[in-house]
Amino acid sequence: MVHFFDCIDEQIRKEISKNVGIKSAVDNDGMMLSYVIYALKDLRNAVAHNNTIFDTRFKTSSINTRLAKYISQETGIANITFNTIADYVILICFMMKAMVRPKSEIMAFIRSFEQNCETFRKNVSSSIYMSVIYTDTRAKLKAIKAYI
């Protein structure tokens, strides 16, 4: 899918990006949606094949820094690196909002992630928990809720 999108004419890519809610001011070459698709591709494949996702081992390449900067600028959330699963949750929430999904649906997704983190915390040692769920996760989730 992403290779197909990359081959589309620049003007059409820009129009598609605009239609899914990506601001044209940050997408002057029409590649931002491609960066989103690349970022989500590995996560999607890991989920589809029931692989481990919590520690982002599924990532096969680095995520374009333009995407991280764009999301940080729009949401006000610092330190988006895509080295933690929380950053992927933020990306999904960001795109859900961009595609005008109901606020209740986005908030339910965030609550589900928070509940899963809490269940995980109760079932593993604190050292394991802290190596998977970083200390800034709660602050990032609070910030994405405020953005939504």
C-alpha atoms as a PDB file:
ATOM      1  CA  MET A   1       0.000   0.000   0.000  1.00  0.00           C
ATOM      2  CA  VAL A   2       2.674   2.505   0.978  1.00  0.00           C
ATOM      3  CA  HIS A   3       4.738   1.907  -2.171  1.00  0.00           C
ATOM      4  CA  PHE A   4       1.626   2.516  -4.237  1.00  0.00           C
ATOM      5  CA  PHE A   5       0.981   5.775  -2.392  1.00  0.00           C
ATOM      6  CA  ASP A   6       4.594   6.878  -2.915  1.00  0.00           C
ATOM      7  CA  CYS A   7       4.197   6.429  -6.675  1.00  0.00           C
ATOM      8  CA  ILE A   8       1.126   8.646  -6.940  1.00  0.00           C
ATOM      9  CA  ASP A   9       1.542  12.094  -8.466  1.00  0.00           C
ATOM     10  CA  GLU A  10       2.514  14.719  -5.881  1.00  0.00           C
ATOM     11  CA  GLN A  11      -0.640  16.807  -6.365  1.00  0.00           C
ATOM     12  CA  ILE A  12      -2.855  13.778  -5.833  1.00  0.00           C
ATOM     13  CA  ARG A  13      -0.860  12.761  -2.726  1.00  0.00           C
ATOM     14  CA  LYS A  14      -1.373  16.267  -1.352  1.00  0.00           C
ATOM     15  CA  GLU A  15      -5.104  16.073  -2.015  1.00  0.00           C
ATOM     16  CA  ILE A  16      -5.386  12.672  -0.312  1.00  0.00           C
ATOM     17  CA  SER A  17      -3.379  13.935   2.670  1.00  0.00           C
ATOM     18  CA  LYS A  18      -5.646  16.967   2.922  1.00  0.00           C
ATOM     19  CA  ASN A  19      -8.725  14.711   2.777  1.00  0.00           C
ATOM     20  CA  VAL A  20      -7.523  12.694   5.789  1.00  0.00           C
ATOM     21  CA  GLY A  21      -6.828  15.848   7.788  1.00  0.00           C
ATOM     22  CA  ILE A  22      -3.105  16.434   7.352  1.00  0.00           C
ATOM     23  CA  LYS A  23      -2.339  20.127   7.208  1.00  0.00           C
ATOM     24  CA  SER A  24      -0.909  21.250   3.890  1.00  0.00           C
ATOM     25  CA  ALA A  25       1.468  23.717   5.577  1.00  0.00           C
ATOM     26  CA  VAL A  26       3.587  20.812   6.860  1.00  0.00           C
ATOM     27  CA  ASP A  27       3.057  18.587   3.844  1.00  0.00           C
ATOM     28  CA  ASN A  28       4.448  20.612   0.974  1.00  0.00           C
ATOM     29  CA  ASP A  29       5.628  17.473  -0.862  1.00  0.00           C
ATOM     30  CA  GLY A  30       2.595  15.295  -0.079  1.00  0.00           C
ATOM     31  CA  MET A  31       4.689  12.727   1.789  1.00  0.00           C
ATOM     32  CA  MET A  32       3.338  13.071   5.347  1.00  0.00           C
ATOM     33  CA  LEU A  33       0.610  10.462   4.870  1.00  0.00           C
ATOM     34  CA  SER A  34       3.245   8.119   3.498  1.00  0.00           C
ATOM     35  CA  TYR A  35       5.238   8.572   6.719  1.00  0.00           C
ATOM     36  CA  VAL A  36       2.120   7.750   8.732  1.00  0.00           C
ATOM     37  CA  ILE A  37       1.491   4.617   6.679  1.00  0.00           C
ATOM     38  CA  TYR A  38       5.125   3.521   7.053  1.00  0.00           C
ATOM     39  CA  ALA A  39       4.943   4.061  10.824  1.00  0.00           C
ATOM     40  CA  LEU A  40       1.745   2.062  11.176  1.00  0.00           C
ATOM     41  CA  LYS A  41       2.663  -0.695   8.707  1.00  0.00           C
ATOM     42  CA  ASP A  42       4.968  -2.584  11.053  1.00  0.00           C
ATOM     43  CA  LEU A  43       2.545  -2.211  13.970  1.00  0.00           C
ATOM     44  CA  ARG A  44      -0.289  -3.511  11.822  1.00  0.00           C
ATOM     45  CA  ASN A  45       1.762  -6.499  10.682  1.00  0.00           C
ATOM     46  CA  ALA A  46       2.789  -7.352  14.241  1.00  0.00           C
ATOM     47  CA  VAL A  47      -0.810  -7.211  15.432  1.00  0.00           C
ATOM     48  CA  ALA A  48      -2.066  -9.223  12.463  1.00  0.00           C
ATOM     49  CA  HIS A  49       0.496 -11.964  13.105  1.00  0.00           C
ATOM     50  CA  ASN A  50       0.075 -11.912  16.891  1.00  0.00           C
ATOM     51  CA  ASN A  51       3.658 -10.763  17.473  1.00  0.00           C
ATOM     52  CA  THR A  52       4.961  -8.753  20.404  1.00  0.00           C
ATOM     53  CA  ILE A  53       4.090  -5.073  20.182  1.00  0.00           C
ATOM     54  CA  PHE A  54       4.529  -3.612  23.672  1.00  0.00           C
ATOM     55  CA  ASP A  55       8.254  -2.934  23.310  1.00  0.00           C
ATOM     56  CA  THR A  56       8.190  -1.838  19.626  1.00  0.00           C
ATOM     57  CA  ARG A  57      10.439  -4.685  18.483  1.00  0.00           C
ATOM     58  CA  PHE A  58       8.161  -4.881  15.463  1.00  0.00           C
ATOM     59  CA  LYS A  59       9.705  -1.723  13.983  1.00  0.00           C
ATOM     60  CA  THR A  60      11.751  -2.625  10.886  1.00  0.00           C
ATOM     61  CA  SER A  61      13.095   0.861  10.169  1.00  0.00           C
ATOM     62  CA  SER A  62      13.303   4.300  11.727  1.00  0.00           C
ATOM     63  CA  ILE A  63      10.293   6.589  11.581  1.00  0.00           C
ATOM     64  CA  ASN A  64      10.684   9.807   9.611  1.00  0.00           C
ATOM     65  CA  THR A  65      11.510  12.664  11.965  1.00  0.00           C
ATOM     66  CA  ARG A  66       9.159  15.007  10.082  1.00  0.00           C
ATOM     67  CA  LEU A  67       6.242  12.910  11.289  1.00  0.00           C
ATOM     68  CA  ALA A  68       7.373  13.047  14.911  1.00  0.00           C
ATOM     69  CA  LYS A  69       7.910  16.815  14.699  1.00  0.00           C
ATOM     70  CA  TYR A  70       4.518  17.353  13.075  1.00  0.00           C
ATOM     71  CA  ILE A  71       2.685  15.382  15.754  1.00  0.00           C
ATOM     72  CA  SER A  72       4.658  17.167  18.486  1.00  0.00           C
ATOM     73  CA  GLN A  73       3.794  20.577  17.035  1.00  0.00           C
ATOM     74  CA  GLU A  74       0.115  19.773  16.672  1.00  0.00           C
ATOM     75  CA  THR A  75      -0.401  18.036  20.025  1.00  0.00           C
ATOM     76  CA  GLY A  76       2.155  19.825  22.185  1.00  0.00           C
ATOM     77  CA  ILE A  77       3.620  16.460  23.211  1.00  0.00           C
ATOM     78  CA  ALA A  78       7.411  16.431  23.441  1.00  0.00           C
ATOM     79  CA  ASN A  79       9.773  13.501  22.978  1.00  0.00           C
ATOM     80  CA  ILE A  80       7.846  11.512  20.380  1.00  0.00           C
ATOM     81  CA  THR A  81      10.421   8.988  19.221  1.00  0.00           C
ATOM     82  CA  PHE A  82       8.369   5.908  18.310  1.00  0.00           C
ATOM     83  CA  ASN A  83      10.593   3.884  20.625  1.00  0.00           C
ATOM     84  CA  THR A  84       7.634   3.236  22.921  1.00  0.00           C
ATOM     85  CA  ILE A  85       4.176   1.856  22.277  1.00  0.00           C
ATOM     86  CA  ALA A  86       2.703   5.035  23.788  1.00  0.00           C
ATOM     87  CA  ASP A  87       4.002   7.023  20.811  1.00  0.00           C
ATOM     88  CA  TYR A  88       2.108   4.709  18.465  1.00  0.00           C
ATOM     89  CA  VAL A  89      -1.028   5.190  20.569  1.00  0.00           C
ATOM     90  CA  ILE A  90      -0.534   8.951  20.163  1.00  0.00           C
ATOM     91  CA  LEU A  91      -0.137   8.570  16.395  1.00  0.00           C
ATOM     92  CA  ILE A  92      -3.318   6.507  16.156  1.00  0.00           C
ATOM     93  CA  CYS A  93      -5.252   9.020  18.270  1.00  0.00           C
ATOM     94  CA  PHE A  94      -3.838  11.892  16.241  1.00  0.00           C
ATOM     95  CA  MET A  95      -4.946  10.286  12.980  1.00  0.00           C
ATOM     96  CA  MET A  96      -8.350   9.378  14.402  1.00  0.00           C
ATOM     97  CA  LYS A  97      -8.880  13.030  15.267  1.00  0.00           C
ATOM     98  CA  ALA A  98      -7.571  14.153  11.869  1.00  0.00           C
ATOM     99  CA  MET A  99     -10.072  11.813  10.197  1.00  0.00           C
ATOM    100  CA  VAL A 100     -12.848  13.273  12.380  1.00  0.00           C
ATOM    101  CA  ARG A 101     -13.604  10.172  14.440  1.00  0.00           C
ATOM    102  CA  PRO A 102     -15.907  10.802  17.421  1.00  0.00           C
ATOM    103  CA  LYS A 103     -14.142  12.060  20.527  1.00  0.00           C
ATOM    104  CA  SER A 104     -15.784   9.292  22.559  1.00  0.00           C
ATOM    105  CA  GLU A 105     -14.233   6.655  20.292  1.00  0.00           C
ATOM    106  CA  ILE A 106     -10.750   8.146  20.618  1.00  0.00           C
ATOM    107  CA  MET A 107     -11.070   8.488  24.389  1.00  0.00           C
ATOM    108  CA  ALA A 108     -12.269   4.873  24.666  1.00  0.00           C
ATOM    109  CA  PHE A 109      -9.149   3.781  22.779  1.00  0.00           C
ATOM    110  CA  ILE A 110      -6.941   5.733  25.197  1.00  0.00           C
ATOM    111  CA  ARG A 111      -8.777   4.331  28.236  1.00  0.00           C
ATOM    112  CA  SER A 112      -8.330   0.817  26.897  1.00  0.00           C
ATOM    113  CA  PHE A 113      -4.590   1.387  26.561  1.00  0.00           C
ATOM    114  CA  GLU A 114      -4.428   2.817  30.081  1.00  0.00           C
ATOM    115  CA  GLN A 115      -6.317  -0.179  31.457  1.00  0.00           C
ATOM    116  CA  ASN A 116      -3.972  -2.575  29.686  1.00  0.00           C
ATOM    117  CA  CYS A 117      -0.976  -0.726  31.117  1.00  0.00           C
ATOM    118  CA  GLU A 118      -2.451  -0.994  34.599  1.00  0.00           C
ATOM    119  CA  THR A 119      -3.120  -4.723  34.195  1.00  0.00           C
ATOM    120  CA  PHE A 120       0.433  -5.174  32.966  1.00  0.00           C
ATOM    121  CA  ARG A 121       1.804  -3.201  35.925  1.00  0.00           C
ATOM    122  CA  LYS A 122      -0.057  -5.458  38.365  1.00  0.00           C
ATOM    123  CA  ASN A 123       1.273  -8.634  36.759  1.00  0.00           C
ATOM    124  CA  VAL A 124       4.993  -7.935  36.348  1.00  0.00           C
ATOM    125  CA  SER A 125       7.787  -6.602  38.499  1.00  0.00           C
ATOM    126  CA  SER A 126       8.273  -2.849  38.574  1.00  0.00           C
ATOM    127  CA  SER A 127      11.630  -3.130  36.784  1.00  0.00           C
ATOM    128  CA  ILE A 128      10.029  -4.974  33.862  1.00  0.00           C
ATOM    129  CA  TYR A 129       7.108  -2.555  33.807  1.00  0.00           C
ATOM    130  CA  MET A 130       9.413   0.467  33.749  1.00  0.00           C
ATOM    131  CA  SER A 131      11.485  -1.013  30.908  1.00  0.00           C
ATOM    132  CA  VAL A 132       8.366  -1.318  28.732  1.00  0.00           C
ATOM    133  CA  ILE A 133       6.115   1.531  29.885  1.00  0.00           C
ATOM    134  CA  TYR A 134       8.302   4.594  30.146  1.00  0.00           C
ATOM    135  CA  THR A 135       7.955   7.185  32.885  1.00  0.00           C
ATOM    136  CA  ASP A 136       6.604   9.807  30.482  1.00  0.00           C
ATOM    137  CA  THR A 137       3.706   7.618  29.312  1.00  0.00           C
ATOM    138  CA  ARG A 138       1.142   9.055  31.721  1.00  0.00           C
ATOM    139  CA  ALA A 139       2.117  12.621  30.846  1.00  0.00           C
ATOM    140  CA  LYS A 140       1.886  11.840  27.134  1.00  0.00           C
ATOM    141  CA  LEU A 141      -1.544  10.247  27.557  1.00  0.00           C
ATOM    142  CA  LYS A 142      -2.740  13.224  29.578  1.00  0.00           C
ATOM    143  CA  ALA A 143      -1.496  15.533  26.824  1.00  0.00           C
ATOM    144  CA  ILE A 144      -3.161  13.563  24.019  1.00  0.00           C
ATOM    145  CA  LYS A 145      -6.434  13.605  25.969  1.00  0.00           C
ATOM    146  CA  ALA A 146      -6.178  17.377  26.271  1.00  0.00           C
ATOM    147  CA  TYR A 147      -5.496  17.619  22.531  1.00  0.00           C
ATOM    148  CA  ILE A 148      -8.494  15.461  21.668  1.00  0.00           C
END
